Every structure is written in structure tokens, then in C-alpha cells.
């Protein structure tokens, strides 16, 4: 699934508490004890050892030069046959289902990502977090869960990490112990190894839905009501430049993908990212990716250089996966010079803070501009800020749709159009709330009307929940 999920994991109903006198003090809510890290069983150790021994034997017996010529089905059949031979030679008591499972695991070890391959295929998992070789967590429906998956040792985990980073032409070693990469399906990967990690290599994998995200999908999972989605879709179509703001894991990229789905198929789009993960559905898309320095410290290509180059490639819109440095100035220049409707994400806790961070990042570029000039650039370039948040129950919500209306004195003027109001939180952590309009009429509504988009003004009534 994507960063947004239909509901959080079901919470078992608590047993009824014994009756208390009316004068008793309020009950104290005790947080559940953390889930213990259970040691792997001997059977798990034996199966893992068997799989690795079989993998080593297959590497010796299979002609690796011909391996790439085989399709996946033929490779699986060959592995299954060799697993059968191995079981007979070793007199292993394995039934047909266990043989098939062992064959699949050995195949994943050879050409996939080893023990985590089943987790990557599980569509209910959003994140895979590997804390050393013996501890693997996943996130489902906003909740972290410990899994029984483990690696044989740190060297086993390092082999899988090197397989990931080599596929995208990057490297990781003691001289460069951190790396950003991506999987073939666009999932984002970050890895860190010794000497900066103490207890073994650590890997974070952010998975993305294989199905194209749309506003309809975000409405279905409760991230926003249909009328807010309709408004954002009209704003994107009307070429309102937009910044998606939120914290880590709040769903910024998911909202950005949904917004991009509303762009016309006739437009030329250029995406710029540190690790290419946006998979837009339009036919005319150019994807660009930054490059880290080589072992000599040379050859680095930053987002700023890519933004400058993108402006020479005749884009209709430029989409930045994340603004985090001096490239923010070039992005603002693009939005102000004929590339309206461009989009980006930014880490911030509210719309006002997003504008402040943009101002700070422009200053990081060493531009000799006054604060008033920078704020004027921001007010002229950015039309809307969409704030997203992951709530305490794991659900992701669009919290604010905020329009930037211009400058007043030395201050960027903003007005909320739609706001999510939290009303209460249940003892199990479930958050309740409602979306409401503020009653203010957005300036971009006139441009939407000129482009033939007729939006129901009744949705701006602050007296009713949306």
C-alpha cells in the first residue's frame, strides 16, 4: 500500500474493569510494555544455515555466465531441481511444501534481496527497518511490528546492501559509510554501515504502492474529503505552484504523486530527486537524479545544478522530490519565469514554518538578497502550501490547505482554505476530527473558473463539516 492506509491495526477490546466507587480517583492509563526481542529458535538457525550452504553450493554448480540468459521461470526450476538433489544427498526430511519454500528462499538469496524479499512483496507493509542482522521491523497501517526475519550475520546483511547499491551505480564502504539508493520498483533505500553504526549495518526501505496514487485513493483512506481533493485537483490543473509540507513519514511524496496525476498529459515534466522514486503516469516525463562524489571526492552533481539544467530543457513544470538546500532559489526562479504549476516537498511542521524554511534555504545559497526580496520571491512564486501529518494513531491526514496571497509590508500573507480539526483521542490512540472550510474564498478560484473548472462555492461554508 502507499503511505496512507485504510485503518490502523485492530486493537483487542479491553476486558471490562471492575466497578469503582464514584469518589475514586481517575484511573491511570498505563502504556503497554514494549514487545520483547525474542531470540531466534534453533530451527530458524538451522534453516538459515541450510539456505546459505545451499546458496554457496549452487554458486559453484550453476554456470553464472549463462544465468542472465535464463528467464525467471527456468531459473526457479533449475534451483528447485538442485534443492531436491541437495536434500537427497544430505538425507534431509523435507516435504514438498518445505522443498518449495527452501527453493524460493535460495532463489531470493541468489538474485533477490535474501530474507527481506517476502517483506518487499507484502503490499500491507510500508516501511522495512533493519537494525543490524538480527532485528527487522516493518510498519503496517502506521504501526511498527517486530518480524522473525533475520540475517545470518553482518556480512550476510552487507552482501544484500551491496547488491542494492550496485544496481544503481553507487557504493558503500568504510570511507563512504552512508548511501541513498532505490529498488527497481522505485522504493527508497537508505543504508549506513560501520564505523558510523555500532551494532551492525542499518537499512531503511520506504516502499511505495505499485498502483498509481490518485486523489480518489486518498479520499478512500480518509486522508481528505472529496471536496478538498476536487479543489486541489482544480488548483493543479490551473497551474498553481504548490509546496507539500510535512514531517518525516507523513505522506508528502504520496500527496505529491496524487497531485501530479492531475497534470495534463500534454505537458512536459522534469522530476529532480536524490533517489528517483516518483513514477509519474504522464507520457512526457524526464527523470533526473543527483550523484554523490566518487572515491576521490569529485564528480558530485547536486540538485541545484540539475534545476539549472532542467530550465534549459523546455519543461512545462519542474517537480522536486524534496527541497533541502540552496536549490530552493532556483526553484523559486523557475516558478516565477514561466514554469507555473511546479511542485516540491519540504520538511516543516506547519505552512508558516514551511515558508520560513524556504527563506532560510535561499540564504544557504549565498545570495546577496535582503529578507524582503526573498520573501517577495516566495510570495510571487508559491501559490499554495498543503500540510500533511502522521497522527498518533498512524493515520496520515491533510491538515491544512493554505493559500499564499501576497505581501503586506515585510510579511508573506497566508490564508487557510481548509483545515482538519482534531476533536478527541480515544484511549486506544484513535484520533477523531473533522475537516472544515475557513470561509475565505481563495484567489485561485478565479483562475480555475477562467480555465473552465467550476467548483461548488458551498464547500467554503465554515458552518458545516466536510
Protein backbone atom coordinates (compact mmCIF):
# COMPACT_ATOMS: atom_id res chain seq x y z
CA UNK A 1 0.00 0.00 0.00
CA UNK A 2 1.11 3.62 -0.05
CA UNK A 3 1.95 5.97 2.79
CA UNK A 4 -1.77 6.23 3.56
CA UNK A 5 -3.72 3.20 4.83
CA UNK A 6 -7.41 2.48 5.25
CA UNK A 7 -7.30 1.94 9.01
CA UNK A 8 -4.92 1.23 11.79
CA UNK A 9 -4.43 -2.29 13.08
CA UNK A 10 -7.36 -3.62 15.08
CA UNK A 11 -6.92 -3.18 18.82
CA UNK A 12 -8.23 -6.03 21.00
CA UNK A 13 -11.16 -5.00 23.15
CA UNK A 14 -10.17 -4.47 26.76
CA UNK A 15 -11.84 -6.58 29.44
CA UNK A 16 -14.45 -4.67 31.50
CA UNK A 17 -12.91 -3.06 34.55
CA UNK A 18 -14.39 -3.76 37.99
CA UNK A 19 -16.81 -1.18 39.33
CA UNK A 20 -15.25 1.66 41.29
CA UNK A 21 -16.79 3.96 43.83
CA UNK A 22 -17.77 7.32 42.39
CA UNK A 23 -15.28 9.08 44.66
CA UNK A 24 -12.32 7.05 43.38
CA UNK A 25 -9.50 8.82 41.61
CA UNK A 26 -9.37 8.75 37.82
CA UNK A 27 -7.73 5.58 36.53
CA UNK A 28 -4.13 5.85 35.44
CA UNK A 29 -3.53 4.78 31.84
CA UNK A 30 -0.50 2.51 31.77
CA UNK A 31 1.38 2.26 28.49
CA UNK A 32 1.77 -1.30 27.22
CA UNK A 33 5.14 -2.88 27.84
CA UNK A 34 7.47 -2.87 24.84
CA UNK A 35 7.49 -6.03 22.78
CA UNK A 36 10.46 -8.17 23.80
CA UNK A 37 13.06 -9.07 21.22
CA UNK A 38 12.85 -12.85 21.10
CA UNK A 39 15.93 -14.84 20.29
CA UNK A 40 15.76 -16.95 17.14
CA UNK A 41 14.94 -20.61 17.69
CA UNK A 42 17.35 -23.41 16.86
CA UNK A 43 15.08 -24.45 13.99
CA UNK A 44 15.32 -20.94 12.50
CA UNK A 45 19.12 -21.04 12.83
CA UNK A 46 19.28 -24.46 11.19
CA UNK A 47 17.07 -23.38 8.27
CA UNK A 48 19.11 -20.22 7.72
CA UNK A 49 22.37 -22.19 7.76
CA UNK A 50 20.92 -24.72 5.33
CA UNK A 51 19.82 -21.97 2.96
CA UNK A 52 23.23 -20.30 2.96
CA UNK A 53 25.07 -23.62 2.47
CA UNK A 54 22.81 -24.47 -0.43
CA UNK A 55 23.34 -21.00 -1.90
CA UNK A 56 27.12 -21.49 -1.78
CA UNK A 57 26.80 -24.89 -3.45
CA UNK A 58 24.54 -23.53 -6.20
CA UNK A 59 27.04 -20.76 -6.95
CA UNK A 60 29.64 -23.47 -7.53
CA UNK A 61 27.43 -25.69 -9.69
CA UNK A 62 25.48 -23.18 -11.79
CA UNK A 63 27.15 -21.62 -14.82
CA UNK A 64 26.91 -17.94 -13.83
CA UNK A 65 27.73 -16.77 -17.35
CA UNK A 66 24.51 -18.39 -18.58
CA UNK A 67 22.42 -17.35 -15.60
CA UNK A 68 21.48 -13.99 -17.14
CA UNK A 69 20.24 -15.72 -20.30
CA UNK A 70 17.55 -17.67 -18.44
CA UNK A 71 14.10 -16.33 -17.71
CA UNK A 72 12.85 -16.30 -14.12
CA UNK A 73 10.70 -19.42 -14.54
CA UNK A 74 13.60 -21.52 -15.89
CA UNK A 75 15.92 -20.25 -13.15
CA UNK A 76 13.39 -21.21 -10.48
CA UNK A 77 13.03 -24.70 -11.98
CA UNK A 78 16.79 -25.21 -12.00
CA UNK A 79 17.08 -24.03 -8.40
CA UNK A 80 14.20 -26.30 -7.35
CA UNK A 81 15.87 -29.30 -9.01
CA UNK A 82 19.20 -28.61 -7.31
CA UNK A 83 17.44 -28.17 -3.97
CA UNK A 84 15.96 -31.64 -4.44
CA UNK A 85 19.40 -33.06 -5.19
CA UNK A 86 20.82 -31.33 -2.12
CA UNK A 87 18.03 -32.70 0.11
CA UNK A 88 18.58 -36.26 -1.15
CA UNK A 89 22.37 -36.07 -0.75
CA UNK A 90 22.02 -34.68 2.76
CA UNK A 91 19.12 -37.03 3.64
CA UNK A 92 17.01 -34.10 4.75
CA UNK A 93 13.45 -34.85 5.87
CA UNK A 94 11.64 -32.20 3.83
CA UNK A 95 8.14 -32.50 2.37
CA UNK A 96 7.10 -30.94 -0.93
CA UNK A 97 5.92 -27.64 0.59
CA UNK A 98 9.15 -27.27 2.56
CA UNK A 99 11.18 -28.02 -0.58
CA UNK A 100 9.28 -25.35 -2.50
CA UNK A 101 9.80 -22.84 0.32
CA UNK A 102 13.51 -23.62 0.55
CA UNK A 103 13.83 -23.31 -3.22
CA UNK A 104 12.11 -19.90 -3.18
CA UNK A 105 14.34 -18.69 -0.34
CA UNK A 106 17.51 -19.84 -2.09
CA UNK A 107 16.34 -18.17 -5.32
CA UNK A 108 15.79 -14.91 -3.39
CA UNK A 109 19.27 -15.30 -1.90
CA UNK A 110 20.79 -15.68 -5.37
CA UNK A 111 19.06 -12.98 -7.39
CA UNK A 112 16.83 -11.12 -4.92
CA UNK A 113 17.33 -9.46 -1.57
CA UNK A 114 17.50 -12.56 0.57
CA UNK A 115 15.44 -12.73 3.78
CA UNK A 116 13.60 -9.45 3.18
CA UNK A 117 12.27 -10.44 -0.25
CA UNK A 118 8.92 -11.68 1.19
CA UNK A 119 8.55 -8.37 3.05
CA UNK A 120 9.04 -6.44 -0.19
CA UNK A 121 6.25 -8.48 -1.81
CA UNK A 122 3.84 -7.86 1.08
CA UNK A 123 1.66 -4.94 -0.03
CA UNK A 124 0.46 -4.24 3.52
CA UNK A 125 3.97 -3.15 4.54
CA UNK A 126 5.00 0.50 4.12
CA UNK A 127 8.48 0.53 5.68
CA UNK A 128 11.17 -2.08 6.34
CA UNK A 129 13.64 -1.10 9.07
CA UNK A 130 16.72 -3.29 9.57
CA UNK A 131 18.62 -2.61 12.80
CA UNK A 132 21.59 -4.92 12.40
CA UNK A 133 21.43 -8.51 11.21
CA UNK A 134 19.15 -9.85 13.96
CA UNK A 135 16.36 -7.26 14.18
CA UNK A 136 13.95 -6.33 11.39
CA UNK A 137 10.89 -4.15 11.94
CA UNK A 138 8.11 -3.30 9.49
CA UNK A 139 5.45 -0.63 9.51
CA UNK A 140 1.87 -1.70 8.81
CA UNK A 141 -1.01 0.79 8.97
CA UNK A 142 1.19 3.27 10.80
CA UNK A 143 2.25 0.78 13.50
CA UNK A 144 5.75 -0.73 13.91
CA UNK A 145 5.96 -4.52 14.24
CA UNK A 146 8.93 -6.76 15.00
CA UNK A 147 9.30 -9.61 12.49
CA UNK A 148 11.03 -13.01 12.80
CA UNK A 149 13.18 -12.18 9.75
CA UNK A 150 16.92 -12.18 10.41
CA UNK A 151 20.25 -12.42 8.63
CA UNK A 152 22.99 -14.95 9.32
CA UNK A 153 25.45 -12.27 10.39
CA UNK A 154 26.54 -8.76 9.48
CA UNK A 155 28.47 -9.98 6.42
CA UNK A 156 25.27 -11.54 5.09
CA UNK A 157 23.45 -8.21 5.51
CA UNK A 158 26.34 -6.33 3.85
CA UNK A 159 26.10 -8.57 0.79
CA UNK A 160 22.44 -7.64 0.38
CA UNK A 161 23.22 -3.92 0.83
CA UNK A 162 25.96 -4.06 -1.79
CA UNK A 163 23.58 -5.79 -4.19
CA UNK A 164 21.11 -2.93 -3.77
CA UNK A 165 23.56 -0.05 -4.20
CA UNK A 166 25.49 -1.69 -7.07
CA UNK A 167 22.28 -1.89 -9.10
CA UNK A 168 22.06 1.94 -9.18
CA UNK A 169 25.78 2.57 -9.66
CA UNK A 170 26.58 3.64 -6.13
CA UNK A 171 28.93 2.31 -3.48
CA UNK A 172 29.14 1.92 0.27
CA UNK A 173 32.28 1.15 2.30
CA UNK A 174 34.17 2.40 5.34
CA UNK A 175 35.29 5.55 3.53
CA UNK A 176 31.70 6.28 2.42
CA UNK A 177 29.50 4.54 5.02
CA UNK A 178 26.15 6.12 4.06
CA UNK A 179 24.22 5.81 0.82
CA UNK A 180 20.82 6.65 -0.69
CA UNK A 181 19.59 4.28 -3.35
CA UNK A 182 16.39 2.86 -4.81
CA UNK A 183 15.00 -0.52 -5.73
CA UNK A 184 13.74 -1.46 -9.18
CA UNK A 185 10.15 -0.63 -8.18
CA UNK A 186 11.14 2.88 -7.01
CA UNK A 187 11.23 2.10 -3.28
CA UNK A 188 13.61 4.42 -1.44
CA UNK A 189 16.59 2.89 0.40
CA UNK A 190 18.98 4.40 2.92
CA UNK A 191 21.84 2.33 4.32
CA UNK A 192 24.51 3.03 6.93
CA UNK A 193 27.36 0.74 7.95
CA UNK A 194 30.36 0.73 10.29
CA UNK A 195 32.08 2.80 11.51
CA UNK A 196 29.06 5.09 11.96
CA UNK A 197 26.70 2.30 13.09
CA UNK A 198 27.66 0.47 16.26
CA UNK A 199 25.52 -2.69 16.22
CA UNK A 200 25.81 -3.71 12.58
CA UNK A 201 24.56 -2.29 9.31
CA UNK A 202 21.22 -0.44 9.30
CA UNK A 203 18.85 -0.21 6.34
CA UNK A 204 15.63 1.78 5.92
CA UNK A 205 13.39 0.93 2.96
CA UNK A 206 10.41 3.14 2.16
CA UNK A 207 8.07 1.16 -0.06
CA UNK A 208 5.58 2.72 -2.43
CA UNK A 209 2.36 1.42 -3.83
CA UNK A 210 2.61 -0.39 -7.14
CA UNK A 211 -0.78 1.08 -8.06
CA UNK A 212 -0.78 4.71 -9.29
CA UNK A 213 -1.84 7.04 -6.48
CA UNK A 214 -4.73 9.40 -7.11
CA UNK A 215 -6.89 11.83 -5.19
CA UNK A 216 -9.65 9.22 -5.22
CA UNK A 217 -7.39 6.84 -3.33
CA UNK A 218 -6.56 9.49 -0.70
CA UNK A 219 -10.27 10.17 -0.25
CA UNK A 220 -10.98 6.44 0.18
CA UNK A 221 -8.45 6.12 3.02
CA UNK A 222 -9.71 9.26 4.77
CA UNK A 223 -6.70 11.50 4.14
CA UNK A 224 -9.02 14.25 2.90
CA UNK A 225 -12.69 14.67 1.92
CA UNK A 226 -13.76 14.57 -1.71
CA UNK A 227 -14.40 18.33 -1.90
CA UNK A 228 -10.83 19.12 -0.75
CA UNK A 229 -9.43 16.65 -3.30
CA UNK A 230 -11.56 18.27 -6.01
CA UNK A 231 -10.23 21.71 -5.06
CA UNK A 232 -6.58 20.56 -5.13
CA UNK A 233 -7.13 18.83 -8.46
CA UNK A 234 -8.53 22.06 -9.92
CA UNK A 235 -5.62 24.06 -8.48
CA UNK A 236 -3.07 21.70 -10.06
CA UNK A 237 -4.85 21.83 -13.41
CA UNK A 238 -4.89 25.65 -13.17
CA UNK A 239 -1.09 25.65 -12.74
CA UNK A 240 -0.96 26.85 -9.14
CA UNK A 241 2.59 26.25 -7.89
CA UNK A 242 2.45 24.07 -4.81
CA UNK A 243 4.65 23.04 -1.88
CA UNK A 244 3.79 19.87 0.07
CA UNK A 245 4.93 20.28 3.68
CA UNK A 246 5.15 17.74 6.50
CA UNK A 247 7.35 15.74 8.81
CA UNK A 248 9.24 12.54 8.09
CA UNK A 249 6.91 9.71 7.08
CA UNK A 250 3.85 11.98 6.98
CA UNK A 251 2.99 11.13 3.37
CA UNK A 252 4.41 14.12 1.47
CA UNK A 253 5.53 12.03 -1.51
CA UNK A 254 2.15 10.26 -1.69
CA UNK A 255 0.32 13.60 -1.85
CA UNK A 256 2.84 14.87 -4.43
CA UNK A 257 2.20 11.81 -6.61
CA UNK A 258 -1.55 12.32 -6.33
CA UNK A 259 -1.25 16.00 -7.26
CA UNK A 260 0.93 15.15 -10.24
CA UNK A 261 -1.75 12.76 -11.51
CA UNK A 262 -3.95 15.81 -12.20
CA UNK A 263 -1.41 17.32 -14.64
CA UNK A 264 -2.38 17.24 -18.31
CA UNK A 265 -0.82 14.50 -20.43
CA UNK A 266 0.15 17.20 -22.97
CA UNK A 267 2.73 18.80 -20.66
CA UNK A 268 6.47 18.08 -20.48
CA UNK A 269 7.51 17.30 -16.90
CA UNK A 270 11.01 17.10 -15.39
CA UNK A 271 11.49 15.44 -12.00
CA UNK A 272 14.60 16.02 -9.87
CA UNK A 273 15.36 13.79 -6.88
CA UNK A 274 18.18 12.44 -4.76
CA UNK A 275 16.92 8.89 -5.39
CA UNK A 276 14.44 8.67 -8.26
CA UNK A 277 11.21 7.35 -6.78
CA UNK A 278 8.47 9.43 -8.43
CA UNK A 279 6.81 7.36 -11.10
CA UNK A 280 4.53 9.77 -12.91
CA UNK A 281 1.88 8.44 -15.26
CA UNK A 282 2.16 11.15 -17.92
CA UNK A 283 3.78 10.11 -21.23
CA UNK A 284 6.26 13.02 -21.45
CA UNK A 285 8.42 12.79 -18.30
CA UNK A 286 12.19 13.31 -17.93
CA UNK A 287 13.62 11.89 -14.68
CA UNK A 288 16.86 13.29 -13.26
CA UNK A 289 18.82 12.16 -10.21
CA UNK A 290 21.65 13.67 -8.18
CA UNK A 291 25.02 11.93 -7.97
CA UNK A 292 27.27 11.68 -4.90
CA UNK A 293 31.02 12.32 -5.18
CA UNK A 294 33.31 9.45 -6.19
CA UNK A 295 36.04 7.94 -4.02
CA UNK A 296 38.29 10.92 -4.86
CA UNK A 297 35.64 13.39 -3.73
CA UNK A 298 34.91 14.52 -7.31
CA UNK A 299 32.02 14.24 -9.72
CA UNK A 300 29.24 15.29 -7.34
CA UNK A 301 26.10 16.63 -9.05
CA UNK A 302 23.75 18.45 -6.70
CA UNK A 303 20.09 19.32 -7.06
CA UNK A 304 20.94 22.94 -7.79
CA UNK A 305 22.88 22.03 -10.94
CA UNK A 306 20.04 19.78 -12.06
CA UNK A 307 17.44 22.52 -11.55
CA UNK A 308 19.52 24.97 -13.58
CA UNK A 309 19.95 22.41 -16.33
CA UNK A 310 16.26 21.47 -16.28
CA UNK A 311 15.29 25.06 -17.09
CA UNK A 312 17.17 24.70 -20.39
CA UNK A 313 15.22 21.58 -21.32
CA UNK A 314 11.94 23.32 -22.11
CA UNK A 315 9.89 21.96 -19.19
CA UNK A 316 6.27 22.92 -18.62
CA UNK A 317 6.67 22.04 -14.95
CA UNK A 318 9.60 21.08 -12.71
CA UNK A 319 8.89 18.69 -9.83
CA UNK A 320 11.43 18.44 -7.00
CA UNK A 321 11.23 15.37 -4.78
CA UNK A 322 12.43 17.44 -1.81
CA UNK A 323 13.82 20.94 -1.34
CA UNK A 324 16.52 20.95 1.30
CA UNK A 325 19.20 23.47 0.32
CA UNK A 326 20.34 26.23 -1.99
CA UNK A 327 18.38 24.78 -4.95
CA UNK A 328 15.32 26.46 -3.42
CA UNK A 329 16.31 29.79 -5.01
CA UNK A 330 16.49 28.25 -8.48
CA UNK A 331 13.14 26.55 -7.88
CA UNK A 332 11.56 29.91 -7.00
CA UNK A 333 13.11 31.43 -10.11
CA UNK A 334 11.58 28.64 -12.21
CA UNK A 335 8.13 29.20 -10.70
CA UNK A 336 8.43 32.93 -11.44
CA UNK A 337 9.64 32.59 -15.03
CA UNK A 338 7.03 30.65 -16.94
CA UNK A 339 7.04 27.33 -15.11
CA UNK A 340 3.93 27.87 -13.01
CA UNK A 341 2.42 24.74 -11.58
CA UNK A 342 5.78 23.36 -10.45
CA UNK A 343 5.78 21.34 -7.21
CA UNK A 344 8.12 20.33 -4.40
CA UNK A 345 8.07 18.85 -0.92
CA UNK A 346 9.68 20.32 2.19
CA UNK A 347 10.14 19.26 5.81
CA UNK A 348 8.15 21.58 8.07
CA UNK A 349 5.56 21.32 10.84
CA UNK A 350 3.08 23.94 9.57
CA UNK A 351 2.58 26.16 6.50
CA UNK A 352 4.12 29.26 8.09
CA UNK A 353 7.21 27.28 9.07
CA UNK A 354 7.46 25.94 5.51
CA UNK A 355 7.75 29.50 4.18
CA UNK A 356 10.33 30.35 6.86
CA UNK A 357 12.40 27.30 5.93
CA UNK A 358 12.28 28.26 2.25
CA UNK A 359 13.61 31.67 3.20
CA UNK A 360 16.43 30.10 5.22
CA UNK A 361 17.38 27.74 2.40
CA UNK A 362 17.62 30.58 -0.08
CA UNK A 363 20.08 32.23 2.32
CA UNK A 364 22.12 28.99 2.30
CA UNK A 365 22.84 29.60 -1.38
CA UNK A 366 24.90 32.69 -0.54
CA UNK A 367 22.61 35.04 -2.46
CA UNK A 368 23.14 38.65 -1.51
CA UNK A 369 19.43 39.36 -1.19
CA UNK A 370 17.56 41.18 1.53
CA UNK A 371 14.96 39.33 3.59
CA UNK A 372 12.24 41.41 1.98
CA UNK A 373 13.41 40.50 -1.52
CA UNK A 374 13.48 36.77 -0.67
CA UNK A 375 10.01 36.92 0.84
CA UNK A 376 8.76 38.74 -2.23
CA UNK A 377 10.15 35.95 -4.43
CA UNK A 378 8.41 33.33 -2.29
CA UNK A 379 5.09 35.19 -2.26
CA UNK A 380 5.17 35.59 -6.04
CA UNK A 381 6.28 32.02 -6.78
CA UNK A 382 4.41 29.73 -4.38
CA UNK A 383 0.65 29.72 -4.64
CA UNK A 384 -0.32 27.06 -2.12
CA UNK A 385 1.05 25.03 0.79
CA UNK A 386 -0.50 21.62 1.57
CA UNK A 387 0.36 20.48 5.10
CA UNK A 388 0.27 16.75 5.87
CA UNK A 389 0.80 14.96 9.18
CA UNK A 390 1.00 11.46 10.59
CA UNK A 391 -1.30 11.36 13.60
CA UNK A 392 -0.72 9.43 16.82
CA UNK A 393 -2.84 6.51 15.55
CA UNK A 394 -0.64 6.12 12.47
CA UNK A 395 -3.12 7.65 10.00
CA UNK A 396 -1.93 10.32 7.57
CA UNK A 397 -4.07 13.41 7.11
CA UNK A 398 -4.00 16.60 5.10
CA UNK A 399 -4.12 19.11 7.95
CA UNK A 400 -4.15 22.45 6.06
CA UNK A 401 -4.68 23.71 2.56
CA UNK A 402 -3.19 27.20 2.76
CA UNK A 403 -3.05 29.83 0.02
CA UNK A 404 -0.31 32.46 -0.21
CA UNK A 405 -1.97 35.75 -1.11
CA UNK A 406 1.00 38.12 -1.42
CA UNK A 407 3.00 40.52 0.74
CA UNK A 408 1.88 43.03 3.31
CA UNK A 409 4.77 45.15 4.46
CA UNK A 410 7.60 42.69 5.09
CA UNK A 411 5.38 39.67 5.84
CA UNK A 412 4.20 36.92 3.49
CA UNK A 413 0.40 36.80 3.78
CA UNK A 414 -1.28 33.39 4.03
CA UNK A 415 -4.85 32.23 4.50
CA UNK A 416 -6.14 28.77 5.36
CA UNK A 417 -8.78 27.46 2.96
CA UNK A 418 -9.45 24.04 4.54
CA UNK A 419 -8.35 22.82 7.98
CA UNK A 420 -8.60 19.47 9.76
CA UNK A 421 -9.68 19.99 13.39
CA UNK A 422 -8.86 17.25 15.88
CA UNK A 423 -11.71 16.86 18.37
CA UNK A 424 -10.69 13.98 20.65
CA UNK A 425 -8.42 10.96 21.05
CA UNK A 426 -9.69 7.58 22.29
CA UNK A 427 -7.79 5.63 24.97
CA UNK A 428 -6.51 3.29 22.24
CA UNK A 429 -4.97 6.27 20.43
CA UNK A 430 -7.55 6.66 17.64
CA UNK A 431 -7.82 10.32 16.63
CA UNK A 432 -11.20 11.83 15.73
CA UNK A 433 -11.77 15.09 13.92
CA UNK A 434 -13.40 16.84 11.01
CA UNK A 435 -12.48 18.93 8.01
CA UNK A 436 -13.92 22.41 7.75
CA UNK A 437 -13.51 25.36 5.47
CA UNK A 438 -12.48 28.67 6.99
CA UNK A 439 -14.99 30.65 4.95
CA UNK A 440 -12.33 32.52 2.98
CA UNK A 441 -12.62 32.50 -0.79
CA UNK A 442 -9.31 31.53 -2.44
CA UNK A 443 -7.79 33.89 -5.00
CA UNK A 444 -7.00 30.99 -7.35
CA UNK A 445 -10.73 30.28 -7.74
CA UNK A 446 -10.94 32.98 -10.44
CA UNK A 447 -8.19 31.29 -12.47
CA UNK A 448 -9.95 27.92 -12.05
CA UNK A 449 -13.13 29.46 -13.40
CA UNK A 450 -11.31 31.02 -16.38
CA UNK A 451 -9.95 27.55 -17.22
CA UNK A 452 -13.43 26.05 -17.21
CA UNK A 453 -13.27 24.44 -13.76
CA UNK A 454 -16.47 25.14 -11.84
CA UNK A 455 -16.07 24.48 -8.12
CA UNK A 456 -19.04 24.50 -5.74
CA UNK A 457 -18.66 27.59 -3.53
CA UNK A 458 -20.88 25.94 -0.90
CA UNK A 459 -17.82 23.89 0.12
CA UNK A 460 -16.33 27.10 1.58
CA UNK A 461 -19.14 27.32 4.19
CA UNK A 462 -17.42 27.13 7.61
CA UNK A 463 -20.63 26.12 9.37
CA UNK A 464 -20.67 22.54 8.09
CA UNK A 465 -18.22 19.70 8.36
CA UNK A 466 -16.90 18.44 5.05
